[in-house]
Amino acid sequence: MDHKTAELMAFAVNDPSKMPSVEKHYGFMDDSDENKTTIINKDPDQLEPEDWQNDQAILLQQAMSVKAVNARKNKE
């Protein structure tokens, strides 16, 4: 982020006419249709999960399996 900001500042100081838009320079700020969440089966309640949600689910599954193993060890 700092490097991208420095690039924009260089454009602003040296040649503002060639400065790219903020949305183009920072890809995550683009609100085009390709970055929006897609709807599965046209049901508004069932959205495709984000990457962080998948990662969170995997982490929770691993934590639950570690707890189960520790609980079995404590019973023995």
Protein backbone atom coordinates (compact mmCIF):
# COMPACT_ATOMS: atom_id res chain seq x y z
CA MET A 1 0.00 0.00 0.00
CA ASP A 2 2.79 2.43 0.85
CA HIS A 3 4.52 1.77 -2.46
CA LYS A 4 1.29 2.35 -4.39
CA THR A 5 0.69 5.58 -2.48
CA ALA A 6 4.22 6.75 -3.27
CA GLU A 7 3.64 6.03 -6.97
CA LEU A 8 0.47 8.14 -6.94
CA MET A 9 2.29 10.96 -5.14
CA ALA A 10 5.03 10.85 -7.79
CA PHE A 11 2.40 11.22 -10.51
CA ALA A 12 0.73 14.08 -8.63
CA VAL A 13 3.98 15.99 -8.21
CA ASN A 14 5.64 15.34 -11.57
CA ASP A 15 2.88 14.89 -14.16
CA PRO A 16 -0.71 15.07 -12.81
CA SER A 17 -2.19 14.70 -16.31
CA LYS A 18 -0.92 11.09 -16.50
CA MET A 19 -2.08 10.14 -13.01
CA PRO A 20 -4.23 6.96 -13.05
CA SER A 21 -7.54 6.86 -11.24
CA VAL A 22 -7.51 5.55 -7.69
CA GLU A 23 -9.81 2.66 -8.64
CA LYS A 24 -7.45 1.60 -11.42
CA HIS A 25 -4.33 1.94 -9.29
CA TYR A 26 -5.78 0.10 -6.28
CA GLY A 27 -7.50 -2.99 -7.73
CA PHE A 28 -9.47 -3.78 -4.58
CA MET A 29 -11.34 -0.45 -4.80
CA ASP A 30 -12.88 -1.35 -8.17
CA ASP A 31 -16.64 -1.83 -7.81
CA SER A 32 -17.17 -3.50 -11.18
CA ASP A 33 -19.43 -6.52 -11.55
CA GLU A 34 -16.54 -8.98 -11.71
CA ASN A 35 -15.54 -8.23 -8.10
CA LYS A 36 -19.02 -8.53 -6.64
CA THR A 37 -20.21 -11.67 -4.90
CA THR A 38 -22.04 -14.01 -7.25
CA ILE A 39 -25.40 -15.47 -6.39
CA ILE A 40 -25.81 -19.24 -6.59
CA ASN A 41 -29.15 -20.63 -7.82
CA LYS A 42 -30.66 -17.12 -7.87
CA ASP A 43 -31.42 -17.50 -4.15
CA PRO A 44 -30.36 -14.32 -2.30
CA ASP A 45 -29.81 -16.28 0.91
CA GLN A 46 -27.12 -18.51 -0.65
CA LEU A 47 -24.11 -16.39 -1.56
CA GLU A 48 -20.81 -17.85 -2.66
CA PRO A 49 -18.47 -17.82 0.35
CA GLU A 50 -15.52 -15.44 0.36
CA ASP A 51 -11.95 -16.78 0.60
CA TRP A 52 -11.62 -15.65 4.20
CA GLN A 53 -14.79 -17.52 5.11
CA ASN A 54 -13.37 -20.73 3.64
CA ASP A 55 -10.12 -20.19 5.55
CA GLN A 56 -12.03 -19.52 8.75
CA ALA A 57 -14.06 -22.71 8.34
CA ILE A 58 -10.90 -24.77 7.80
CA LEU A 59 -9.28 -23.21 10.87
CA LEU A 60 -12.34 -23.95 13.01
CA GLN A 61 -12.40 -27.57 11.80
CA GLN A 62 -8.74 -28.01 12.67
CA ALA A 63 -9.23 -26.43 16.10
CA MET A 64 -12.16 -28.76 16.81
CA SER A 65 -10.14 -31.82 15.80
CA VAL A 66 -7.24 -30.74 18.07
CA LYS A 67 -9.67 -30.29 20.97
CA ALA A 68 -11.15 -33.73 20.32
CA VAL A 69 -7.70 -35.36 20.33
CA ASN A 70 -6.74 -33.56 23.53
CA ALA A 71 -10.02 -34.62 25.17
CA ARG A 72 -9.37 -38.28 24.24
CA LYS A 73 -5.83 -38.05 25.63
CA ASN A 74 -7.12 -36.62 28.91
CA LYS A 75 -9.67 -39.46 29.30
CA GLU A 76 -6.99 -42.14 28.97
